[in-house]
Amino acid sequence: MSEEVLVEEKTELEERFPEIVRDQRNGYDGFIVPADQLIRFAAALRDEFGYDFLSSVTGVDYLPDDMMEVVYHAYQTTGGPGLVFKVQVPRENPVVPSLTAEFPGADLQEREAWDLLGIRFEGHPNHKRVLTWEGFDGHPLRKDWQEPFFEEESKPFKSRWPGGDVIRVEDGNPFNKNVDYPDGFDPDAWQETGQAVVYENVGRLDHAVSETAISTDQLVVNLGPQHPSTHGVFRMVVRLEGETVVDLEPVMGYLHRNHEKIGERNTFLMNIPFTDRLDYFNSMSNNFGYVLAVEKLMGTKPPERADYIRVMMAELTRIVNHLAAIGFLLNDLGAFFTPLLYAFEEREMILDIFEAVSGSRMMCNYYRFAGVARDLPPGIFEQVKGFVHDRLPRKIDELDTFLTNNEIIRARTMGIGVLTAEDAITHSAVGPVLRASGVPYDVRRADPYSIYDRFDFDVAVRYHGDIYDRYLLRLDEIRQSIRILEQVIRDIPEGPIQEGKPQYQVRVPAGEASGRVEGPKGELGFYVVSNGKPNPWRYHVRAPSFINLTPLGVMCRNYKIADVVSILGSIDIVLGETDR
């Protein structure tokens, strides 16, 4: 869809919904929709205008205006630019209708906005915290929330030497931890009602296994929070009928460290290395999405050579991720470490390239606003060329030969964990999870960014939506990444690698912007609001690992308990960006 068509659609929406208004704030975009019209507006977007994919839901606290705002980004799976719409509600009672009935993919995202900002979504079927625990005091992304010990009035140096005596503020806290309990909360008498809600919700739907099945008692089993398929701490509450999964709910938050709050305290530039820590497999891609968002606000673009280098690093990152994902999936199937280590050999070679280019193997901190930190070092181009043209294609063919027709892999993955195309779209799944279900949606093609519109490559797609297809699709994507890298090597120009002089402080005009990339795990998006000061007013991450967990219950129902870990492994989550 072209920009001209988008303009026509916006005009038609204004005629169809006279209650909505365009956001007139300088540097802002989208429609402001009255809360009582939100559901009708969203349903029309989906059914009449083809915006069937709700990518992002987040909140913004506009404390000076005494207002909360919920921001939605919707797209068409057929491709084209997105449409932004918003709801504004008063801070003292921020209530917004839930869109989970129209877009089930809003489920976890609405819970996150409630948890961190205190925006209540009326009609949400499972309205509780998702990243913090039920006894947490307040909503930490609110601008007036104060963190125990770390706000200025509580820092130790304020009371270090009164009268010559050393006083530690930490000793004044009755719990001697970084915890501030709500008023009237007794931790000794507290019972974890939130967990009762979890168990209740897991069984809230009646999923009959079979009318002829042997009648058995239902059993609730906790998988985790420690188990092998998650790169972090994660739990699944599973309701079983015998060995068959009736329902499942993901439980996360064990590693939550308030990434977005810290991002709003950092300067814009300080957040680049901070994005590295989201998904430690994909540092370069994490940098990419964030700098695109800030560059939109700044109205700047990198030189051509820097764009080529960015694409090179992003596609090498995709290969690193997919090699690891395949190896860890086989771990989950019981092939302990041998296939993983075999796949890791090429991963290590790519990390050597990252180290030569950026100075670090995993936390690269390489991208910069309007460029990259440094040019390719001598000899590295030839190393990449040899790797891409020779060694890597051979290695992928070997993995394909060894694994694809293995009868155990086929038996454990074919027809298991099926996610239909319709369910994938409605649950906002992205990346290999979405494309393995028959939806050829790839941000690099659907809404091209950087210089991806210059490259000849195919959007990898499979059609069965099972574990096996999610495995095959990652092999397919590695081959397409090799095609892109061959073109980068052929066409990369000489020239500068950064627009202007390197700066330790950047001027970011007031406004909002979103940047999204097709990361290895799917669409990774950053929504940034600037008020013209050195640090973001709002910094939000649309994390694919987090949102791809939304359809996990659907993928596991009616399969066996032995399949659950491998289904989870086929999604390929990293808890660093899930919990944030």
Protein backbone atom coordinates (compact mmCIF):
# COMPACT_ATOMS: atom_id res chain seq x y z
CA MET A 1 0.00 0.00 0.00
CA SER A 2 1.32 3.41 -0.98
CA GLU A 3 1.38 6.58 1.08
CA GLU A 4 -1.29 8.02 -1.25
CA VAL A 5 -3.65 5.15 -0.44
CA LEU A 6 -2.95 5.66 3.26
CA VAL A 7 -3.95 9.34 2.94
CA GLU A 8 -7.19 8.33 1.22
CA GLU A 9 -7.93 5.79 3.95
CA LYS A 10 -7.36 8.39 6.67
CA THR A 11 -9.83 10.73 4.95
CA GLU A 12 -12.37 7.93 4.68
CA LEU A 13 -11.92 7.08 8.36
CA GLU A 14 -12.59 10.69 9.31
CA GLU A 15 -15.82 10.61 7.30
CA ARG A 16 -16.80 7.26 8.76
CA PHE A 17 -16.02 8.32 12.34
CA PRO A 18 -16.65 12.06 12.77
CA GLU A 19 -15.81 11.74 16.50
CA ILE A 20 -12.12 11.04 15.85
CA VAL A 21 -9.58 13.82 15.33
CA ARG A 22 -6.06 13.91 13.97
CA ASP A 23 -3.28 14.44 16.48
CA GLN A 24 -2.36 18.10 15.99
CA ARG A 25 0.61 18.17 18.34
CA ASN A 26 3.84 19.16 16.63
CA GLY A 27 5.84 16.04 15.74
CA TYR A 28 2.95 13.66 16.42
CA ASP A 29 0.84 11.49 14.10
CA GLY A 30 -2.27 9.36 14.14
CA PHE A 31 -5.89 9.61 15.20
CA ILE A 32 -7.21 10.36 18.66
CA VAL A 33 -10.24 8.16 19.24
CA PRO A 34 -12.78 8.67 22.06
CA ALA A 35 -12.65 5.76 24.50
CA ASP A 36 -16.30 4.88 23.93
CA GLN A 37 -15.65 4.57 20.17
CA LEU A 38 -12.45 2.51 20.41
CA ILE A 39 -13.91 -0.97 19.92
CA ARG A 40 -16.09 0.09 17.00
CA PHE A 41 -13.15 1.94 15.41
CA ALA A 42 -10.75 -1.00 15.82
CA ALA A 43 -13.30 -3.48 14.42
CA ALA A 44 -13.82 -1.26 11.36
CA LEU A 45 -10.06 -0.96 10.85
CA ARG A 46 -9.80 -4.75 10.83
CA ASP A 47 -12.92 -5.69 8.86
CA GLU A 48 -13.38 -2.77 6.45
CA PHE A 49 -9.91 -1.32 5.96
CA GLY A 50 -7.80 -4.49 6.19
CA TYR A 51 -5.65 -3.53 9.20
CA ASP A 52 -5.72 -7.08 10.52
CA PHE A 53 -2.43 -6.99 12.44
CA LEU A 54 -2.20 -5.10 15.74
CA SER A 55 1.52 -4.76 16.20
CA SER A 56 1.97 -2.63 19.31
CA VAL A 57 -0.01 -1.39 22.31
CA THR A 58 1.65 0.89 24.83
CA GLY A 59 0.86 3.68 27.24
CA VAL A 60 2.38 7.11 27.83
CA ASP A 61 2.10 9.14 31.02
CA TYR A 62 1.73 12.83 30.17
CA LEU A 63 2.00 14.02 33.76
CA PRO A 64 2.10 17.78 32.98
CA ASP A 65 -1.17 17.40 31.05
CA ASP A 66 -2.74 15.17 33.73
CA MET A 67 -3.41 12.60 31.02
CA MET A 68 -2.66 9.01 30.08
CA GLU A 69 -2.48 7.98 26.44
CA VAL A 70 -2.70 4.50 24.93
CA VAL A 71 -0.97 4.26 21.54
CA TYR A 72 -1.82 1.53 19.01
CA HIS A 73 0.11 0.64 15.83
CA ALA A 74 -1.85 -1.41 13.28
CA TYR A 75 -0.70 -2.82 9.94
CA GLN A 76 -2.01 -4.81 7.00
CA THR A 77 -0.47 -8.25 6.54
CA THR A 78 -0.56 -7.57 2.81
CA GLY A 79 2.05 -4.87 3.43
CA GLY A 80 2.33 -1.11 3.58
CA PRO A 81 2.81 1.60 6.19
CA GLY A 82 1.00 1.42 9.49
CA LEU A 83 -1.80 3.44 11.03
CA VAL A 84 -1.50 4.95 14.49
CA PHE A 85 -4.48 5.59 16.73
CA LYS A 86 -4.66 6.70 20.34
CA VAL A 87 -6.99 7.01 23.30
CA GLN A 88 -6.54 9.76 25.89
CA VAL A 89 -7.94 9.37 29.42
CA PRO A 90 -7.50 11.27 32.71
CA ARG A 91 -4.64 10.14 34.97
CA GLU A 92 -6.77 9.78 38.07
CA ASN A 93 -9.00 7.17 36.42
CA PRO A 94 -7.35 5.80 33.27
CA VAL A 95 -9.88 3.28 31.93
CA VAL A 96 -9.81 2.11 28.32
CA PRO A 97 -11.89 -0.65 26.67
CA SER A 98 -9.90 -3.82 26.04
CA LEU A 99 -9.29 -4.82 22.42
CA THR A 100 -8.60 -8.47 23.24
CA ALA A 101 -11.89 -9.58 21.65
CA GLU A 102 -11.05 -7.83 18.37
CA PHE A 103 -7.29 -8.44 18.52
CA PRO A 104 -6.21 -11.25 20.90
CA GLY A 105 -2.63 -10.05 20.36
CA ALA A 106 -3.43 -7.14 22.68
CA ASP A 107 -3.62 -9.54 25.67
CA LEU A 108 -0.10 -9.41 27.13
CA GLN A 109 0.48 -5.86 25.91
CA GLU A 110 -2.57 -4.50 27.73
CA ARG A 111 -1.53 -6.34 30.88
CA GLU A 112 1.91 -4.74 30.57
CA ALA A 113 0.37 -1.25 30.27
CA TRP A 114 -1.74 -1.94 33.37
CA ASP A 115 1.22 -3.32 35.29
CA LEU A 116 3.70 -0.55 34.50
CA LEU A 117 1.41 2.47 33.96
CA GLY A 118 -1.80 1.66 35.84
CA ILE A 119 -4.06 1.94 32.77
CA ARG A 120 -7.08 -0.32 33.32
CA PHE A 121 -8.46 -2.17 30.31
CA GLU A 122 -12.13 -2.78 30.85
CA GLY A 123 -13.28 -6.18 29.65
CA HIS A 124 -9.84 -7.82 29.62
CA PRO A 125 -10.35 -11.53 30.42
CA ASN A 126 -7.24 -11.86 32.58
CA HIS A 127 -6.55 -8.40 33.95
CA LYS A 128 -3.55 -8.74 36.28
CA ARG A 129 0.10 -7.81 36.42
CA VAL A 130 2.44 -9.57 34.04
CA LEU A 131 6.02 -8.38 34.74
CA THR A 132 5.87 -7.37 38.40
CA TRP A 133 4.29 -9.37 41.22
CA GLU A 134 0.81 -8.77 42.58
CA GLY A 135 2.10 -7.16 45.79
CA PHE A 136 4.21 -4.57 43.96
CA ASP A 137 3.63 -1.00 45.07
CA GLY A 138 2.40 1.24 42.29
CA HIS A 139 3.10 1.38 38.58
CA PRO A 140 6.77 2.11 37.90
CA LEU A 141 6.50 3.84 34.50
CA ARG A 142 4.33 6.58 35.94
CA LYS A 143 6.28 9.80 36.07
CA ASP A 144 5.44 10.39 39.74
CA TRP A 145 6.45 6.88 40.90
CA GLN A 146 9.44 6.86 43.22
CA GLU A 147 11.80 3.97 43.55
CA PRO A 148 12.95 3.06 47.10
CA PHE A 149 16.58 4.02 47.80
CA PHE A 150 17.43 5.23 44.35
CA GLU A 151 15.57 8.51 44.17
CA GLU A 152 17.58 11.53 45.28
CA GLU A 153 16.01 11.93 48.69
CA SER A 154 16.97 8.38 49.60
CA LYS A 155 20.51 8.14 48.33
CA PRO A 156 23.07 7.26 51.01
CA PHE A 157 25.36 10.22 50.36
CA LYS A 158 22.64 12.58 51.58
CA SER A 159 22.98 11.26 55.14
CA ARG A 160 26.45 9.74 55.11
CA TRP A 161 28.18 11.93 57.72
CA PRO A 162 25.68 13.79 59.90
CA GLY A 163 27.45 14.61 63.19
CA GLY A 164 30.34 12.36 62.24
CA ASP A 165 28.17 9.21 62.32
CA VAL A 166 27.77 6.92 59.36
CA ILE A 167 24.10 6.27 58.53
CA ARG A 168 23.09 3.88 55.79
CA VAL A 169 19.66 4.62 54.34
CA GLU A 170 19.24 0.93 53.60
CA ASP A 171 19.18 0.26 57.35
CA GLY A 172 16.16 2.51 57.67
CA ASN A 173 14.06 0.31 55.45
CA PRO A 174 12.10 -2.19 57.57
CA PHE A 175 12.52 -4.90 54.94
CA ASN A 176 16.21 -4.18 54.23
CA LYS A 177 15.59 -4.70 50.53
CA ASN A 178 14.71 -2.63 47.53
CA VAL A 179 11.03 -3.10 48.30
CA ASP A 180 8.32 -0.64 49.24
CA TYR A 181 5.07 -2.42 50.09
CA PRO A 182 1.65 -0.86 49.55
CA ASP A 183 -0.15 0.78 52.49
CA GLY A 184 -1.72 -1.80 54.75
CA PHE A 185 0.19 -4.67 53.17
CA ASP A 186 1.41 -7.33 55.61
CA PRO A 187 3.98 -9.58 53.92
CA ASP A 188 3.80 -12.16 56.70
CA ALA A 189 0.06 -12.58 56.35
CA TRP A 190 -0.04 -12.30 52.57
CA GLN A 191 -1.27 -15.21 50.51
CA GLU A 192 -0.49 -15.24 46.83
CA THR A 193 -3.97 -14.65 45.45
CA GLY A 194 -2.47 -13.83 42.10
CA GLN A 195 -1.44 -17.44 41.72
CA ALA A 196 -4.97 -18.57 42.48
CA VAL A 197 -6.09 -16.33 39.64
CA VAL A 198 -3.52 -17.98 37.38
CA TYR A 199 -4.84 -21.42 38.17
CA GLU A 200 -8.43 -20.29 37.84
CA ASN A 201 -7.79 -18.69 34.48
CA VAL A 202 -5.97 -21.71 33.15
CA GLY A 203 -9.19 -23.65 33.53
CA ARG A 204 -11.59 -20.90 32.52
CA LEU A 205 -12.25 -22.41 29.10
CA ASP A 206 -13.88 -25.77 28.57
CA HIS A 207 -11.65 -27.68 26.18
CA ALA A 208 -13.02 -31.16 25.87
CA VAL A 209 -10.30 -33.55 24.78
CA SER A 210 -12.60 -36.11 23.27
CA GLU A 211 -16.09 -37.43 23.94
CA THR A 212 -14.76 -40.97 23.86
CA ALA A 213 -11.63 -40.37 25.90
CA ILE A 214 -11.16 -42.06 29.22
CA SER A 215 -12.45 -39.81 32.00
CA THR A 216 -9.65 -38.62 34.24
CA ASP A 217 -9.18 -35.91 36.82
CA GLN A 218 -7.66 -32.71 35.62
CA LEU A 219 -4.25 -31.85 37.00
CA VAL A 220 -2.43 -28.52 37.12
CA VAL A 221 1.33 -28.76 36.60
CA ASN A 222 3.92 -25.99 36.82
CA LEU A 223 6.66 -26.27 34.20
CA GLY A 224 9.40 -24.03 35.48
CA PRO A 225 10.32 -21.47 36.49
CA GLN A 226 13.56 -23.37 35.79
CA HIS A 227 13.68 -25.50 32.70
CA PRO A 228 15.95 -25.88 29.71
CA SER A 229 14.22 -24.29 26.75
CA THR A 230 14.18 -20.64 27.85
CA HIS A 231 17.37 -18.58 28.13
CA GLY A 232 16.18 -17.29 31.46
CA VAL A 233 13.55 -17.94 34.11
CA PHE A 234 10.07 -18.67 32.85
CA ARG A 235 7.08 -20.72 33.97
CA MET A 236 4.16 -22.39 32.27
CA VAL A 237 1.04 -23.29 34.25
CA VAL A 238 -0.44 -26.26 32.43
CA ARG A 239 -3.84 -27.89 33.01
CA LEU A 240 -3.82 -31.52 31.95
CA GLU A 241 -6.41 -34.15 31.17
CA GLY A 242 -4.26 -37.24 31.56
CA GLU A 243 -1.21 -36.36 29.44
CA THR A 244 -3.14 -34.01 27.15
CA VAL A 245 -2.88 -30.25 27.56
CA VAL A 246 -6.27 -28.64 28.17
CA ASP A 247 -5.00 -25.11 28.77
CA LEU A 248 -1.76 -23.25 29.40
CA GLU A 249 -0.78 -19.82 30.67
CA PRO A 250 2.72 -18.32 30.47
CA VAL A 251 4.03 -16.68 33.65
CA MET A 252 7.01 -14.32 33.44
CA GLY A 253 8.52 -11.42 35.31
CA TYR A 254 11.15 -13.31 37.33
CA LEU A 255 13.93 -11.30 35.69
CA HIS A 256 12.14 -7.98 35.32
CA ARG A 257 14.50 -5.04 35.78
CA ASN A 258 12.40 -2.18 34.39
CA HIS A 259 14.34 -1.73 31.17
CA GLU A 260 12.00 1.00 29.92
CA LYS A 261 12.20 3.03 33.14
CA ILE A 262 15.98 3.00 32.94
CA GLY A 263 15.72 3.90 29.25
CA GLU A 264 13.78 7.03 30.18
CA ARG A 265 16.49 8.03 32.68
CA ASN A 266 19.30 7.51 30.16
CA THR A 267 20.13 9.97 27.43
CA PHE A 268 19.19 8.97 23.90
CA LEU A 269 22.77 7.96 23.13
CA MET A 270 23.19 6.01 26.38
CA ASN A 271 20.33 3.75 25.34
CA ILE A 272 22.18 2.27 22.37
CA PRO A 273 24.34 -0.10 24.46
CA PHE A 274 21.35 -0.64 26.71
CA THR A 275 19.41 -2.15 23.78
CA ASP A 276 22.20 -4.73 23.45
CA ARG A 277 20.98 -6.29 26.70
CA LEU A 278 17.48 -7.00 25.48
CA ASP A 279 18.32 -10.07 23.42
CA TYR A 280 21.92 -11.00 23.92
CA PHE A 281 21.92 -13.06 20.71
CA ASN A 282 20.90 -10.09 18.60
CA SER A 283 22.75 -7.00 19.73
CA MET A 284 23.12 -5.54 16.23
CA SER A 285 19.42 -5.89 15.38
CA ASN A 286 18.48 -4.33 18.71
CA ASN A 287 20.63 -1.29 17.94
CA PHE A 288 19.10 -1.09 14.46
CA GLY A 289 15.47 -0.68 15.52
CA TYR A 290 16.26 1.92 18.16
CA VAL A 291 18.44 4.17 16.00
CA LEU A 292 15.81 4.11 13.24
CA ALA A 293 13.21 5.49 15.66
CA VAL A 294 15.49 8.27 16.94
CA GLU A 295 16.65 9.13 13.39
CA LYS A 296 13.02 9.73 12.44
CA LEU A 297 12.74 12.23 15.27
CA MET A 298 16.01 13.88 14.31
CA GLY A 299 15.17 13.96 10.60
CA THR A 300 18.50 12.43 9.63
CA LYS A 301 19.77 9.42 7.68
CA PRO A 302 23.11 7.59 7.57
CA PRO A 303 25.49 7.71 4.60
CA GLU A 304 25.09 4.98 2.00
CA ARG A 305 28.12 2.97 3.13
CA ALA A 306 26.84 2.95 6.71
CA ASP A 307 23.48 1.63 5.48
CA TYR A 308 25.21 -1.27 3.74
CA ILE A 309 27.28 -2.04 6.84
CA ARG A 310 24.12 -1.97 8.97
CA VAL A 311 22.41 -4.49 6.70
CA MET A 312 25.51 -6.70 6.69
CA MET A 313 25.63 -6.79 10.50
CA ALA A 314 21.86 -7.35 10.77
CA GLU A 315 21.87 -10.33 8.41
CA LEU A 316 24.91 -11.89 10.10
CA THR A 317 22.98 -11.48 13.36
CA ARG A 318 19.98 -13.28 11.86
CA ILE A 319 22.24 -16.20 10.96
CA VAL A 320 23.73 -16.26 14.47
CA ASN A 321 20.26 -16.37 16.01
CA HIS A 322 18.86 -19.05 13.74
CA LEU A 323 21.86 -21.34 14.15
CA ALA A 324 21.45 -21.09 17.93
CA ALA A 325 17.66 -21.53 17.71
CA ILE A 326 18.02 -24.73 15.69
CA GLY A 327 20.65 -26.09 18.08
CA PHE A 328 18.62 -25.32 21.20
CA LEU A 329 15.47 -26.78 19.65
CA LEU A 330 17.28 -30.07 19.15
CA ASN A 331 18.41 -29.85 22.77
CA ASP A 332 14.75 -29.62 23.77
CA LEU A 333 14.01 -32.69 21.67
CA GLY A 334 16.65 -34.67 23.55
CA ALA A 335 19.66 -34.42 21.24
CA PHE A 336 21.73 -32.99 24.03
CA PHE A 337 24.39 -30.48 22.91
CA THR A 338 25.96 -32.32 19.94
CA PRO A 339 23.87 -30.57 17.21
CA LEU A 340 24.02 -27.32 19.18
CA LEU A 341 27.81 -27.30 19.33
CA TYR A 342 27.97 -28.24 15.65
CA ALA A 343 25.84 -25.18 14.82
CA PHE A 344 27.84 -23.00 17.20
CA GLU A 345 31.04 -23.32 15.17
CA GLU A 346 29.78 -20.89 12.51
CA ARG A 347 28.21 -18.72 15.18
CA GLU A 348 31.62 -18.30 16.78
CA MET A 349 33.13 -17.26 13.46
CA ILE A 350 30.47 -14.55 13.06
CA LEU A 351 31.09 -13.36 16.62
CA ASP A 352 34.77 -13.05 15.68
CA ILE A 353 33.68 -10.71 12.88
CA PHE A 354 31.56 -8.70 15.34
CA GLU A 355 34.53 -8.42 17.69
CA ALA A 356 36.80 -7.19 14.90
CA VAL A 357 34.22 -4.62 13.78
CA SER A 358 32.86 -3.36 17.11
CA GLY A 359 35.30 -4.49 19.79
CA SER A 360 32.80 -6.86 21.41
CA ARG A 361 31.45 -10.28 20.54
CA MET A 362 27.94 -10.03 21.98
CA MET A 363 27.20 -6.54 23.37
CA CYS A 364 28.37 -4.71 20.29
CA ASN A 365 27.13 -1.13 20.81
CA TYR A 366 27.93 -0.55 17.16
CA TYR A 367 25.15 1.48 15.55
CA ARG A 368 25.00 5.25 15.96
CA PHE A 369 22.43 7.85 15.04
CA ALA A 370 23.00 8.58 11.35
CA GLY A 371 25.72 5.95 10.97
CA VAL A 372 27.85 3.32 12.68
CA ALA A 373 30.58 3.70 15.28
CA ARG A 374 33.53 2.79 13.03
CA ASP A 375 34.31 1.49 9.57
CA LEU A 376 35.12 -2.11 8.71
CA PRO A 377 38.71 -2.89 9.76
CA PRO A 378 41.32 -4.02 7.21
CA GLY A 379 40.87 -7.60 6.07
CA ILE A 380 37.41 -8.10 7.57
CA PHE A 381 35.63 -7.60 4.24
CA GLU A 382 37.57 -10.46 2.67
CA GLN A 383 36.82 -12.60 5.72
CA VAL A 384 33.09 -11.97 5.39
CA LYS A 385 33.25 -12.60 1.65
CA GLY A 386 34.90 -16.00 2.04
CA PHE A 387 32.54 -16.95 4.84
CA VAL A 388 29.39 -16.03 2.90
CA HIS A 389 30.41 -17.42 -0.49
CA ASP A 390 31.91 -20.71 0.64
CA ARG A 391 31.83 -21.96 4.20
CA LEU A 392 28.37 -20.90 5.35
CA PRO A 393 26.35 -22.34 2.40
CA ARG A 394 28.15 -25.66 2.82
CA LYS A 395 27.43 -25.71 6.54
CA ILE A 396 23.71 -25.01 6.06
CA ASP A 397 23.47 -27.78 3.48
CA GLU A 398 25.16 -30.14 5.96
CA LEU A 399 22.71 -29.23 8.73
CA ASP A 400 19.85 -29.76 6.31
CA THR A 401 21.21 -33.18 5.31
CA PHE A 402 21.81 -34.34 8.87
CA LEU A 403 18.61 -33.09 10.47
CA THR A 404 15.70 -32.50 8.12
CA ASN A 405 14.93 -36.12 7.28
CA ASN A 406 15.88 -37.56 10.66
CA GLU A 407 12.98 -39.79 11.64
CA ILE A 408 13.08 -38.82 15.33
CA ILE A 409 13.01 -35.10 14.53
CA ARG A 410 10.15 -35.62 12.10
CA ALA A 411 8.16 -37.72 14.58
CA ARG A 412 8.61 -35.14 17.38
CA THR A 413 7.88 -32.04 15.29
CA MET A 414 5.57 -32.75 12.35
CA GLY A 415 1.97 -31.90 13.15
CA ILE A 416 2.94 -30.73 16.67
CA GLY A 417 2.25 -27.24 18.05
CA VAL A 418 0.21 -26.18 15.05
CA LEU A 419 -0.65 -22.48 14.82
CA THR A 420 -3.02 -21.59 12.00
CA ALA A 421 -2.51 -18.50 9.86
CA GLU A 422 -5.64 -16.90 11.32
CA ASP A 423 -4.54 -17.49 14.90
CA ALA A 424 -1.03 -16.26 14.15
CA ILE A 425 -2.36 -12.96 12.77
CA THR A 426 -4.97 -12.35 15.46
CA HIS A 427 -2.46 -13.08 18.24
CA SER A 428 0.10 -10.65 16.73
CA ALA A 429 2.71 -13.36 16.20
CA VAL A 430 5.75 -12.27 14.21
CA GLY A 431 8.88 -13.60 12.58
CA PRO A 432 9.37 -17.33 11.93
CA VAL A 433 6.32 -18.13 14.08
CA LEU A 434 4.08 -16.08 11.78
CA ARG A 435 5.67 -17.05 8.47
CA ALA A 436 5.75 -20.78 9.28
CA SER A 437 1.95 -20.53 9.54
CA GLY A 438 1.64 -19.44 5.93
CA VAL A 439 1.67 -15.65 6.34
CA PRO A 440 4.43 -14.11 4.16
CA TYR A 441 4.79 -10.99 6.29
CA ASP A 442 8.33 -9.68 6.68
CA VAL A 443 8.93 -6.05 7.61
CA ARG A 444 11.90 -5.93 5.22
CA ARG A 445 9.42 -6.45 2.36
CA ALA A 446 6.10 -5.29 3.79
CA ASP A 447 7.33 -1.90 4.98
CA PRO A 448 10.97 -1.60 3.86
CA TYR A 449 13.43 0.30 6.02
CA SER A 450 17.07 1.28 5.51
CA ILE A 451 18.06 -0.01 2.02
CA TYR A 452 16.26 -3.38 2.04
CA ASP A 453 14.22 -2.34 -1.00
CA ARG A 454 17.43 -2.61 -3.06
CA PHE A 455 17.99 -6.31 -2.45
CA ASP A 456 16.64 -9.32 -4.28
CA PHE A 457 15.49 -11.93 -1.77
CA ASP A 458 12.43 -14.05 -1.07
CA VAL A 459 10.26 -13.93 2.02
CA ALA A 460 10.62 -17.43 3.45
CA VAL A 461 7.24 -18.98 4.18
CA ARG A 462 5.95 -22.42 5.22
CA TYR A 463 2.34 -23.50 5.50
CA HIS A 464 1.79 -26.16 8.17
CA GLY A 465 2.40 -23.99 11.23
CA ASP A 466 4.04 -26.78 13.25
CA ILE A 467 7.41 -27.15 14.97
CA TYR A 468 8.88 -28.80 11.88
CA ASP A 469 8.00 -25.87 9.64
CA ARG A 470 9.35 -23.38 12.17
CA TYR A 471 12.64 -25.30 12.04
CA LEU A 472 12.67 -25.44 8.23
CA LEU A 473 11.81 -21.78 7.92
CA ARG A 474 14.89 -20.77 9.90
CA LEU A 475 17.05 -22.76 7.48
CA ASP A 476 15.26 -21.00 4.61
CA GLU A 477 15.90 -17.59 6.17
CA ILE A 478 19.59 -18.29 6.62
CA ARG A 479 19.81 -19.01 2.89
CA GLN A 480 17.99 -15.76 2.09
CA SER A 481 20.33 -13.87 4.42
CA ILE A 482 23.25 -15.33 2.46
CA ARG A 483 21.65 -13.95 -0.74
CA ILE A 484 21.38 -10.49 0.81
CA LEU A 485 24.95 -10.62 2.10
CA GLU A 486 26.25 -11.56 -1.36
CA GLN A 487 24.59 -8.45 -2.77
CA VAL A 488 25.94 -6.28 0.06
CA ILE A 489 29.47 -7.54 -0.64
CA ARG A 490 29.01 -6.84 -4.36
CA ASP A 491 27.50 -3.35 -4.06
CA ILE A 492 28.89 -1.73 -0.90
CA PRO A 493 30.33 1.69 -1.77
CA GLU A 494 33.21 3.61 -0.33
CA GLY A 495 32.55 6.77 1.66
CA PRO A 496 31.85 8.06 5.16
CA ILE A 497 30.24 5.91 7.81
CA GLN A 498 28.56 8.66 9.80
CA GLU A 499 26.66 11.84 8.97
CA GLY A 500 28.51 14.74 10.54
CA LYS A 501 30.84 14.53 13.50
CA PRO A 502 30.43 11.97 16.31
CA GLN A 503 28.48 13.48 19.21
CA TYR A 504 28.24 12.52 22.84
CA GLN A 505 24.99 14.44 23.18
CA VAL A 506 22.38 14.71 20.46
CA ARG A 507 19.52 17.15 20.01
CA VAL A 508 16.27 15.28 19.54
CA PRO A 509 13.27 17.48 18.66
CA ALA A 510 10.00 17.05 20.52
CA GLY A 511 7.60 14.52 19.05
CA GLU A 512 7.03 10.79 18.68
CA ALA A 513 8.45 8.18 16.35
CA SER A 514 8.47 4.42 15.95
CA GLY A 515 11.20 2.35 14.39
CA ARG A 516 10.79 -1.31 13.58
CA VAL A 517 12.99 -3.94 12.01
CA GLU A 518 12.54 -7.55 11.06
CA GLY A 519 14.70 -9.00 13.80
CA PRO A 520 15.63 -12.69 13.85
CA LYS A 521 12.76 -13.43 16.26
CA GLY A 522 10.31 -11.19 14.43
CA GLU A 523 9.27 -7.57 14.40
CA LEU A 524 11.28 -5.59 16.95
CA GLY A 525 9.89 -2.12 17.44
CA PHE A 526 10.82 0.96 19.45
CA TYR A 527 8.33 3.71 20.23
CA VAL A 528 10.02 6.88 21.44
CA VAL A 529 8.55 10.15 22.69
CA SER A 530 10.78 13.20 23.07
CA ASN A 531 10.01 16.43 24.89
CA GLY A 532 13.14 18.10 23.52
CA LYS A 533 15.30 17.20 26.52
CA PRO A 534 18.42 14.96 26.55
CA ASN A 535 16.55 11.81 27.59
CA PRO A 536 13.38 10.21 26.17
CA TRP A 537 10.06 11.08 27.78
CA ARG A 538 8.81 7.63 26.76
CA TYR A 539 10.88 4.66 25.61
CA HIS A 540 8.96 1.50 24.73
CA VAL A 541 10.16 -1.80 23.27
CA ARG A 542 7.88 -3.97 21.15
CA ALA A 543 9.65 -7.20 22.06
CA PRO A 544 8.95 -10.20 19.76
CA SER A 545 9.84 -12.76 22.45
CA PHE A 546 7.20 -11.22 24.72
CA ILE A 547 4.36 -10.95 22.22
CA ASN A 548 5.08 -14.32 20.56
CA LEU A 549 4.09 -15.92 23.88
CA THR A 550 0.50 -14.71 23.40
CA PRO A 551 -0.53 -17.71 21.25
CA LEU A 552 1.46 -20.27 23.30
CA GLY A 553 -1.73 -21.61 24.94
CA VAL A 554 -3.37 -22.04 21.54
CA MET A 555 -0.30 -23.85 20.19
CA CYS A 556 -0.17 -26.31 23.10
CA ARG A 557 -3.86 -27.24 23.57
CA ASN A 558 -4.70 -30.84 22.78
CA TYR A 559 -1.05 -31.86 22.48
CA LYS A 560 0.85 -33.96 25.00
CA ILE A 561 2.76 -32.66 28.00
CA ALA A 562 5.93 -34.13 26.47
CA ASP A 563 5.51 -31.74 23.52
CA VAL A 564 5.14 -28.52 25.52
CA VAL A 565 8.84 -27.78 26.01
CA SER A 566 9.63 -28.36 22.34
CA ILE A 567 6.69 -26.15 21.27
CA LEU A 568 8.05 -23.39 23.50
CA GLY A 569 11.55 -23.95 22.11
CA SER A 570 10.25 -23.53 18.55
CA ILE A 571 9.08 -20.00 19.39
CA ASP A 572 12.68 -19.08 20.31
CA ILE A 573 12.29 -16.66 23.21
CA VAL A 574 14.95 -14.87 25.23
CA LEU A 575 13.86 -13.71 28.65
CA GLY A 576 16.01 -10.59 28.50
CA GLU A 577 13.52 -8.98 26.12
CA THR A 578 10.50 -10.90 27.42
CA ASP A 579 10.80 -9.56 30.97
CA ARG A 580 12.68 -6.38 30.08
